[in-house]
Protein backbone atom coordinates (compact mmCIF):
# COMPACT_ATOMS: atom_id res chain seq x y z
CA UNK A 1 86.16 75.78 116.63
CA UNK A 2 85.34 75.05 112.99
CA UNK A 3 83.80 78.51 112.73
CA UNK A 4 87.22 80.03 113.38
CA UNK A 5 88.64 78.16 110.39
CA UNK A 6 85.80 79.23 108.13
CA UNK A 7 86.15 82.84 109.29
CA UNK A 8 89.90 82.69 108.63
CA UNK A 9 89.31 81.44 105.09
CA UNK A 10 86.68 84.12 104.49
CA UNK A 11 89.13 86.79 105.66
CA UNK A 12 91.72 85.40 103.26
CA UNK A 13 89.33 85.35 100.31
CA UNK A 14 88.09 88.88 101.00
CA UNK A 15 91.59 90.30 101.36
CA UNK A 16 92.86 88.39 98.33
CA UNK A 17 90.08 89.71 96.15
CA UNK A 18 90.62 93.32 97.31
CA UNK A 19 94.38 93.02 96.85
CA UNK A 20 94.04 91.40 93.41
CA UNK A 21 91.54 93.98 92.18
CA UNK A 22 93.59 96.91 93.47
CA UNK A 23 96.89 95.63 92.09
CA UNK A 24 95.87 94.30 88.68
CA UNK A 25 92.52 95.74 87.64
CA UNK A 26 91.55 99.21 88.89
CA UNK A 27 94.15 100.72 91.19
CA UNK A 28 93.34 101.87 94.70
CA UNK A 29 89.95 100.74 95.92
CA UNK A 30 90.28 102.48 99.28
CA UNK A 31 92.38 105.29 100.73
CA UNK A 32 95.81 104.52 102.18
CA UNK A 33 94.64 103.85 105.73
CA UNK A 34 91.74 101.75 104.52
CA UNK A 35 94.00 99.63 102.34
CA UNK A 36 96.45 99.13 105.21
CA UNK A 37 93.61 98.07 107.46
CA UNK A 38 92.29 95.59 104.92
CA UNK A 39 95.53 94.16 103.57
CA UNK A 40 97.55 93.96 106.79
CA UNK A 41 95.27 93.83 109.83
CA UNK A 42 92.65 91.41 108.49
CA UNK A 43 95.20 88.72 107.50
CA UNK A 44 96.77 89.02 110.96
CA UNK A 45 93.37 88.41 112.54
CA UNK A 46 92.74 85.59 110.07
CA UNK A 47 96.09 84.02 110.91
CA UNK A 48 95.29 84.07 114.63
CA UNK A 49 91.85 82.58 113.95
CA UNK A 50 93.44 79.95 111.72
CA UNK A 51 95.80 78.92 114.50
CA UNK A 52 92.83 78.46 116.85
CA UNK A 53 90.79 76.45 114.33
CA UNK A 54 90.60 72.73 113.77
CA UNK A 55 90.08 70.81 110.55
CA UNK A 56 90.79 71.46 106.89
CA UNK A 57 90.03 75.15 107.00
CA UNK A 58 92.90 75.61 109.45
CA UNK A 59 95.57 74.77 106.88
CA UNK A 60 93.96 76.82 104.12
CA UNK A 61 93.48 79.81 106.43
CA UNK A 62 97.03 79.76 107.78
CA UNK A 63 98.69 79.35 104.38
CA UNK A 64 96.46 81.90 102.66
CA UNK A 65 96.77 84.61 105.29
CA UNK A 66 100.52 84.01 105.57
CA UNK A 67 100.82 84.41 101.80
CA UNK A 68 98.96 87.74 101.89
CA UNK A 69 101.14 89.00 104.74
CA UNK A 70 104.26 87.91 102.85
CA UNK A 71 103.20 89.80 99.73
CA UNK A 72 101.89 92.92 101.45
CA UNK A 73 104.33 93.33 104.37
CA UNK A 74 107.56 91.37 104.01
CA UNK A 75 108.32 92.01 100.34
CA UNK A 76 107.87 95.82 100.53
CA UNK A 77 109.82 95.97 103.80
CA UNK A 78 112.76 94.00 102.41
CA UNK A 79 112.72 95.94 99.15
CA UNK A 80 113.18 99.22 101.02
CA UNK A 81 116.44 97.87 102.43
CA UNK A 82 117.79 97.10 98.97
CA UNK A 83 116.63 100.21 97.11
CA UNK A 84 117.22 102.92 99.69
CA UNK A 85 119.90 105.54 99.13
CA UNK A 86 122.53 105.93 101.89
């Protein structure tokens, strides 16, 4: 079960580094579908693995993957409601 927590943290670190590099350093690292796969699907898998894990990695994996999902899914979705034209 500890391997699930470590895998969840590794997913978070990989996605965080890709998201940070693409947002602040170079621009798009992958095409649109590739970026969606990396920035949305991997944190969902990491969140599920974090919920199955035990130990200290569980907390770090859940918080980290939730943070990535908040930044990459919830914020853009809510912003479309506020900035859309009727």
